[in-house]
N, C-alpha and C. Protein backbone atom coordinates (compact mmCIF):
# COMPACT_ATOMS: atom_id res chain seq x y z
N GLU A 1 -93.38 -51.36 -12.37
CA GLU A 1 -92.01 -51.00 -12.32
C GLU A 1 -91.97 -49.49 -12.45
N GLN A 2 -92.24 -48.84 -11.24
CA GLN A 2 -92.20 -47.29 -10.94
C GLN A 2 -92.69 -46.50 -12.02
N GLY A 3 -93.84 -46.70 -12.68
CA GLY A 3 -94.52 -45.86 -13.63
C GLY A 3 -93.78 -45.89 -15.03
N GLY A 4 -93.10 -46.94 -15.36
CA GLY A 4 -92.54 -47.00 -16.72
C GLY A 4 -91.20 -46.34 -16.87
N LYS A 5 -90.62 -45.89 -15.73
CA LYS A 5 -89.29 -45.11 -15.82
C LYS A 5 -88.26 -46.11 -15.25
N PRO A 6 -87.03 -46.09 -15.76
CA PRO A 6 -85.93 -46.75 -15.13
C PRO A 6 -85.47 -46.05 -13.77
N LEU A 7 -84.94 -46.84 -12.97
CA LEU A 7 -84.40 -46.21 -11.62
C LEU A 7 -83.44 -45.22 -11.77
N ALA A 8 -83.46 -44.12 -11.06
CA ALA A 8 -82.58 -43.06 -11.17
C ALA A 8 -81.20 -43.55 -10.50
N ALA A 9 -80.04 -42.82 -10.92
CA ALA A 9 -78.79 -43.22 -10.59
C ALA A 9 -78.71 -43.15 -8.93
N GLU A 10 -79.20 -42.28 -8.30
CA GLU A 10 -79.18 -42.15 -6.92
C GLU A 10 -79.94 -43.68 -6.27
N GLU A 11 -80.88 -43.87 -6.83
CA GLU A 11 -81.68 -45.12 -6.30
C GLU A 11 -80.91 -46.28 -6.67
N ILE A 12 -80.32 -46.44 -7.80
CA ILE A 12 -79.35 -47.56 -8.08
C ILE A 12 -78.24 -47.71 -7.16
N GLU A 13 -77.68 -46.73 -6.72
CA GLU A 13 -76.54 -46.63 -5.88
C GLU A 13 -77.00 -47.17 -4.49
N ARG A 14 -78.22 -46.71 -4.08
CA ARG A 14 -78.66 -47.09 -2.73
C ARG A 14 -79.09 -48.57 -2.79
N ILE A 15 -79.80 -49.06 -3.75
CA ILE A 15 -80.05 -50.53 -3.75
C ILE A 15 -78.96 -51.41 -4.04
N ARG A 16 -77.84 -50.96 -4.85
CA ARG A 16 -76.73 -51.90 -5.16
C ARG A 16 -76.12 -52.56 -3.88
N SER A 17 -76.16 -51.89 -2.68
CA SER A 17 -75.52 -52.43 -1.53
C SER A 17 -76.10 -53.82 -1.16
N GLN A 18 -77.38 -54.12 -1.68
CA GLN A 18 -78.02 -55.37 -1.30
C GLN A 18 -77.43 -56.64 -2.25
N VAL A 19 -76.86 -56.15 -3.27
CA VAL A 19 -76.24 -57.18 -4.15
C VAL A 19 -74.85 -56.74 -4.59
N PRO A 20 -73.84 -56.71 -3.55
CA PRO A 20 -72.57 -56.13 -3.72
C PRO A 20 -71.73 -56.91 -4.72
N GLU A 21 -72.05 -58.21 -5.06
CA GLU A 21 -71.18 -58.90 -6.06
C GLU A 21 -71.70 -58.73 -7.51
N TRP A 22 -72.65 -57.95 -7.68
CA TRP A 22 -73.12 -57.71 -9.08
C TRP A 22 -72.49 -56.39 -9.42
N GLN A 23 -72.04 -56.28 -10.83
CA GLN A 23 -71.49 -55.11 -11.38
C GLN A 23 -72.24 -54.26 -12.25
N LEU A 24 -72.27 -53.04 -12.15
CA LEU A 24 -73.03 -52.10 -13.00
C LEU A 24 -72.38 -52.19 -14.46
N CYS A 25 -73.12 -52.24 -15.54
CA CYS A 25 -72.58 -52.39 -16.65
C CYS A 25 -73.43 -51.64 -17.80
N ASN A 26 -72.93 -51.50 -19.05
CA ASN A 26 -73.72 -50.83 -20.07
C ASN A 26 -74.18 -49.39 -19.57
N ALA A 27 -73.36 -48.43 -19.06
CA ALA A 27 -73.76 -47.14 -18.79
C ALA A 27 -74.73 -47.12 -17.55
N SER A 28 -74.76 -48.10 -16.72
CA SER A 28 -75.67 -48.42 -15.55
C SER A 28 -76.96 -48.63 -15.95
N THR A 29 -77.20 -49.39 -17.09
CA THR A 29 -78.44 -49.79 -17.54
C THR A 29 -78.73 -51.30 -17.23
N SER A 30 -77.72 -51.99 -16.74
CA SER A 30 -77.84 -53.39 -16.35
C SER A 30 -76.79 -53.87 -15.26
N ILE A 31 -76.99 -54.86 -14.60
CA ILE A 31 -76.04 -55.41 -13.69
C ILE A 31 -75.89 -56.90 -14.10
N SER A 32 -74.67 -57.34 -13.68
CA SER A 32 -74.16 -58.69 -14.20
C SER A 32 -73.34 -59.29 -13.07
N ARG A 33 -73.38 -60.67 -13.05
CA ARG A 33 -72.50 -61.40 -12.08
C ARG A 33 -72.22 -62.72 -12.80
N SER A 34 -71.03 -63.17 -12.50
CA SER A 34 -70.52 -64.53 -12.94
C SER A 34 -70.31 -65.51 -11.87
N TRP A 35 -70.51 -66.81 -12.04
CA TRP A 35 -70.19 -67.81 -11.25
C TRP A 35 -69.46 -68.92 -11.88
N ARG A 36 -68.56 -69.54 -11.24
CA ARG A 36 -67.80 -70.59 -11.74
C ARG A 36 -68.41 -72.01 -11.27
N ALA A 37 -68.38 -72.96 -12.27
CA ALA A 37 -68.93 -74.29 -11.91
C ALA A 37 -67.75 -75.30 -12.12
N GLN A 38 -67.94 -76.45 -11.56
CA GLN A 38 -66.75 -77.46 -11.72
C GLN A 38 -66.85 -78.11 -12.98
N ASP A 39 -67.93 -78.24 -13.71
CA ASP A 39 -67.99 -78.89 -14.91
C ASP A 39 -69.20 -78.47 -15.77
N PHE A 40 -69.49 -78.94 -16.93
CA PHE A 40 -70.53 -78.57 -17.87
C PHE A 40 -71.90 -78.83 -17.06
N ASN A 41 -72.00 -80.15 -16.55
CA ASN A 41 -73.30 -80.40 -15.90
C ASN A 41 -73.62 -79.55 -14.79
N GLU A 42 -72.70 -79.24 -13.99
CA GLU A 42 -72.92 -78.26 -12.90
C GLU A 42 -73.39 -76.91 -13.43
N ALA A 43 -72.76 -76.31 -14.52
CA ALA A 43 -73.14 -75.12 -14.91
C ALA A 43 -74.52 -75.19 -15.58
N CYS A 44 -74.85 -76.26 -16.23
CA CYS A 44 -76.25 -76.47 -16.84
C CYS A 44 -77.37 -76.47 -15.65
N ASP A 45 -76.98 -77.18 -14.69
CA ASP A 45 -77.84 -77.28 -13.40
C ASP A 45 -78.09 -75.89 -12.95
N PHE A 46 -77.13 -74.96 -12.79
CA PHE A 46 -77.21 -73.58 -12.34
C PHE A 46 -78.15 -72.87 -13.27
N LEU A 47 -77.93 -72.94 -14.60
CA LEU A 47 -78.65 -72.24 -15.58
C LEU A 47 -80.23 -72.55 -15.46
N LYS A 48 -80.46 -73.76 -15.28
CA LYS A 48 -81.73 -74.35 -15.21
C LYS A 48 -82.37 -73.75 -13.92
N ARG A 49 -81.70 -73.64 -12.78
CA ARG A 49 -82.27 -73.09 -11.59
C ARG A 49 -82.59 -71.55 -11.84
N VAL A 50 -81.69 -70.86 -12.45
CA VAL A 50 -82.03 -69.40 -12.74
C VAL A 50 -83.13 -69.31 -13.63
N ALA A 51 -83.24 -70.18 -14.63
CA ALA A 51 -84.66 -70.10 -15.53
C ALA A 51 -85.80 -70.41 -14.74
N ILE A 52 -85.81 -71.40 -13.82
CA ILE A 52 -86.99 -71.63 -12.95
C ILE A 52 -87.35 -70.46 -12.07
N LEU A 53 -86.24 -69.93 -11.41
CA LEU A 53 -86.38 -68.83 -10.48
C LEU A 53 -87.01 -67.67 -11.23
N SER A 54 -86.35 -67.31 -12.41
CA SER A 54 -86.86 -66.11 -13.21
C SER A 54 -88.27 -66.36 -13.71
N GLN A 55 -88.58 -67.58 -14.09
CA GLN A 55 -89.94 -67.78 -14.58
C GLN A 55 -90.90 -67.59 -13.41
N ASN A 56 -90.69 -67.93 -12.38
CA ASN A 56 -91.45 -67.96 -11.09
C ASN A 56 -91.71 -66.46 -10.58
N GLU A 57 -90.60 -65.63 -10.89
CA GLU A 57 -90.65 -64.23 -10.61
C GLU A 57 -91.34 -63.44 -11.74
N ALA A 58 -91.52 -64.05 -12.76
CA ALA A 58 -92.04 -63.43 -14.11
C ALA A 58 -91.31 -62.23 -14.45
N HIS A 59 -89.96 -62.35 -14.36
CA HIS A 59 -89.12 -61.38 -14.58
C HIS A 59 -87.72 -61.96 -15.16
N GLN A 60 -87.62 -62.24 -16.43
CA GLN A 60 -86.44 -63.00 -16.98
C GLN A 60 -85.18 -61.99 -17.10
N PRO A 61 -83.90 -62.61 -16.85
CA PRO A 61 -82.69 -61.71 -17.05
C PRO A 61 -82.64 -61.38 -18.53
N ARG A 62 -81.88 -60.26 -18.82
CA ARG A 62 -81.70 -59.98 -20.24
C ARG A 62 -80.94 -61.04 -20.93
N SER A 63 -79.99 -61.51 -20.13
CA SER A 63 -79.17 -62.66 -20.91
C SER A 63 -78.53 -63.50 -19.77
N VAL A 64 -78.22 -64.77 -20.24
CA VAL A 64 -77.58 -65.84 -19.39
C VAL A 64 -76.61 -66.47 -20.37
N ARG A 65 -75.34 -66.34 -20.02
CA ARG A 65 -74.24 -67.01 -20.83
C ARG A 65 -73.51 -68.10 -20.07
N LEU A 66 -73.20 -69.22 -20.99
CA LEU A 66 -72.40 -70.13 -20.40
C LEU A 66 -71.08 -70.13 -21.17
N GLU A 67 -69.90 -70.04 -20.63
CA GLU A 67 -68.69 -69.96 -21.35
C GLU A 67 -67.61 -70.97 -20.67
N LEU A 68 -66.79 -71.35 -21.45
CA LEU A 68 -65.58 -72.24 -21.15
C LEU A 68 -64.43 -71.10 -20.81
N VAL A 69 -63.94 -71.13 -19.54
CA VAL A 69 -62.98 -70.08 -19.18
C VAL A 69 -61.85 -70.97 -18.44
N ARG A 70 -60.70 -71.01 -19.18
CA ARG A 70 -59.68 -71.65 -18.54
C ARG A 70 -59.89 -73.03 -17.90
N GLY A 71 -60.60 -73.86 -18.76
CA GLY A 71 -61.04 -75.10 -18.27
C GLY A 71 -62.14 -75.24 -17.28
N LYS A 72 -62.79 -74.07 -16.81
CA LYS A 72 -63.87 -74.13 -15.91
C LYS A 72 -65.00 -73.53 -16.70
N GLU A 73 -66.15 -73.97 -16.39
CA GLU A 73 -67.38 -73.48 -16.84
C GLU A 73 -67.68 -72.15 -16.06
N GLU A 74 -68.15 -71.11 -16.81
CA GLU A 74 -68.58 -69.85 -16.10
C GLU A 74 -69.94 -69.58 -16.58
N VAL A 75 -70.84 -69.23 -15.69
CA VAL A 75 -72.19 -68.81 -16.02
C VAL A 75 -72.28 -67.21 -15.61
N THR A 76 -72.76 -66.52 -16.69
CA THR A 76 -72.94 -65.02 -16.40
C THR A 76 -74.41 -64.68 -16.50
N VAL A 77 -74.89 -63.92 -15.63
CA VAL A 77 -76.22 -63.46 -15.60
C VAL A 77 -76.31 -61.96 -15.75
N VAL A 78 -77.08 -61.37 -16.76
CA VAL A 78 -77.16 -59.95 -16.91
C VAL A 78 -78.49 -59.69 -16.75
N CYS A 79 -78.95 -58.74 -15.82
CA CYS A 79 -80.21 -58.19 -15.54
C CYS A 79 -80.53 -56.79 -15.84
N SER A 80 -81.63 -56.46 -16.60
CA SER A 80 -82.09 -55.20 -16.98
C SER A 80 -83.50 -55.41 -17.43
N THR A 81 -84.07 -54.31 -17.61
CA THR A 81 -85.46 -54.21 -18.18
C THR A 81 -85.48 -53.46 -19.48
N PRO A 82 -85.35 -54.23 -20.57
CA PRO A 82 -85.25 -53.66 -21.87
C PRO A 82 -86.47 -52.63 -22.18
N ARG A 83 -87.55 -52.93 -21.71
CA ARG A 83 -88.68 -52.06 -21.92
C ARG A 83 -88.53 -50.71 -21.42
N LEU A 84 -87.85 -50.61 -20.36
CA LEU A 84 -87.37 -49.35 -19.62
C LEU A 84 -86.23 -48.77 -20.08
N LYS A 85 -85.29 -49.56 -20.91
CA LYS A 85 -84.06 -49.06 -21.23
C LYS A 85 -83.12 -48.84 -20.10
N GLY A 86 -83.37 -49.74 -19.02
CA GLY A 86 -82.57 -49.45 -17.71
C GLY A 86 -82.85 -50.48 -16.67
N LEU A 87 -82.59 -49.98 -15.45
CA LEU A 87 -82.80 -51.03 -14.32
C LEU A 87 -84.06 -50.71 -13.69
N SER A 88 -84.75 -51.69 -13.14
CA SER A 88 -85.97 -51.57 -12.32
C SER A 88 -85.74 -52.33 -10.95
N TYR A 89 -86.59 -52.14 -10.09
CA TYR A 89 -86.64 -52.83 -8.82
C TYR A 89 -86.68 -54.29 -9.02
N ALA A 90 -87.51 -54.63 -9.93
CA ALA A 90 -87.50 -56.10 -10.41
C ALA A 90 -86.13 -56.83 -10.66
N ASP A 91 -85.15 -55.96 -11.33
CA ASP A 91 -83.96 -56.62 -11.77
C ASP A 91 -83.15 -56.87 -10.40
N PHE A 92 -83.24 -55.99 -9.49
CA PHE A 92 -82.50 -56.03 -8.16
C PHE A 92 -83.02 -57.10 -7.41
N MET A 93 -84.33 -57.29 -7.34
CA MET A 93 -84.96 -58.41 -6.55
C MET A 93 -84.59 -59.61 -7.16
N LEU A 94 -84.53 -59.79 -8.63
CA LEU A 94 -84.17 -61.10 -9.20
C LEU A 94 -82.74 -61.43 -8.89
N ALA A 95 -81.80 -60.34 -8.79
CA ALA A 95 -80.38 -60.59 -8.57
C ALA A 95 -80.17 -60.99 -7.17
N LEU A 96 -80.97 -60.44 -6.27
CA LEU A 96 -80.93 -60.99 -4.73
C LEU A 96 -81.39 -62.34 -4.59
N LYS A 97 -82.44 -62.68 -5.34
CA LYS A 97 -82.98 -64.02 -5.29
C LYS A 97 -82.02 -65.05 -5.93
N ILE A 98 -81.34 -64.62 -7.07
CA ILE A 98 -80.41 -65.47 -7.66
C ILE A 98 -79.14 -65.77 -6.55
N ASP A 99 -78.64 -64.69 -5.87
CA ASP A 99 -77.71 -64.75 -5.10
C ASP A 99 -78.04 -65.87 -3.83
N LEU A 100 -79.39 -65.68 -3.36
CA LEU A 100 -79.84 -66.57 -2.42
C LEU A 100 -79.87 -68.12 -2.73
N MET A 101 -80.18 -68.24 -4.14
CA MET A 101 -80.28 -69.53 -4.71
C MET A 101 -78.87 -70.05 -4.81
N ALA A 102 -78.02 -69.28 -5.39
CA ALA A 102 -76.54 -69.64 -5.48
C ALA A 102 -75.86 -69.98 -4.27
N SER A 103 -76.21 -69.31 -3.16
CA SER A 103 -75.50 -69.72 -1.90
C SER A 103 -75.78 -71.20 -1.46
N THR A 104 -76.89 -71.75 -2.00
CA THR A 104 -77.31 -73.03 -1.59
C THR A 104 -76.88 -74.08 -2.61
N TRP A 105 -76.49 -73.52 -3.84
CA TRP A 105 -76.15 -74.37 -4.99
C TRP A 105 -74.66 -74.85 -4.92
N THR A 106 -73.74 -74.14 -4.43
CA THR A 106 -72.32 -74.58 -4.42
C THR A 106 -72.06 -75.52 -3.19
């Protein structure tokens, strides 16, 4: 992960175009995205798919949340690299792969 340093702001802006649905948060030290599910079981299925994907990538998201929002389940994934106290290429690669997986999930 680029010599133990988080990505610079310019690099983050360049790479963000690959995952436009993800939002920068926490002073640009993480990215997040939420998805709506039809019910609890569908949300849990999505969580499981994210877990398997991140395990295969050997880069787990910083957090994954399941919340009940206005009668719909919402899954939020937050990616960052705590060891670097910022974002790495691996965070953006995981976000891209989650997006690809999500496009076949719904």
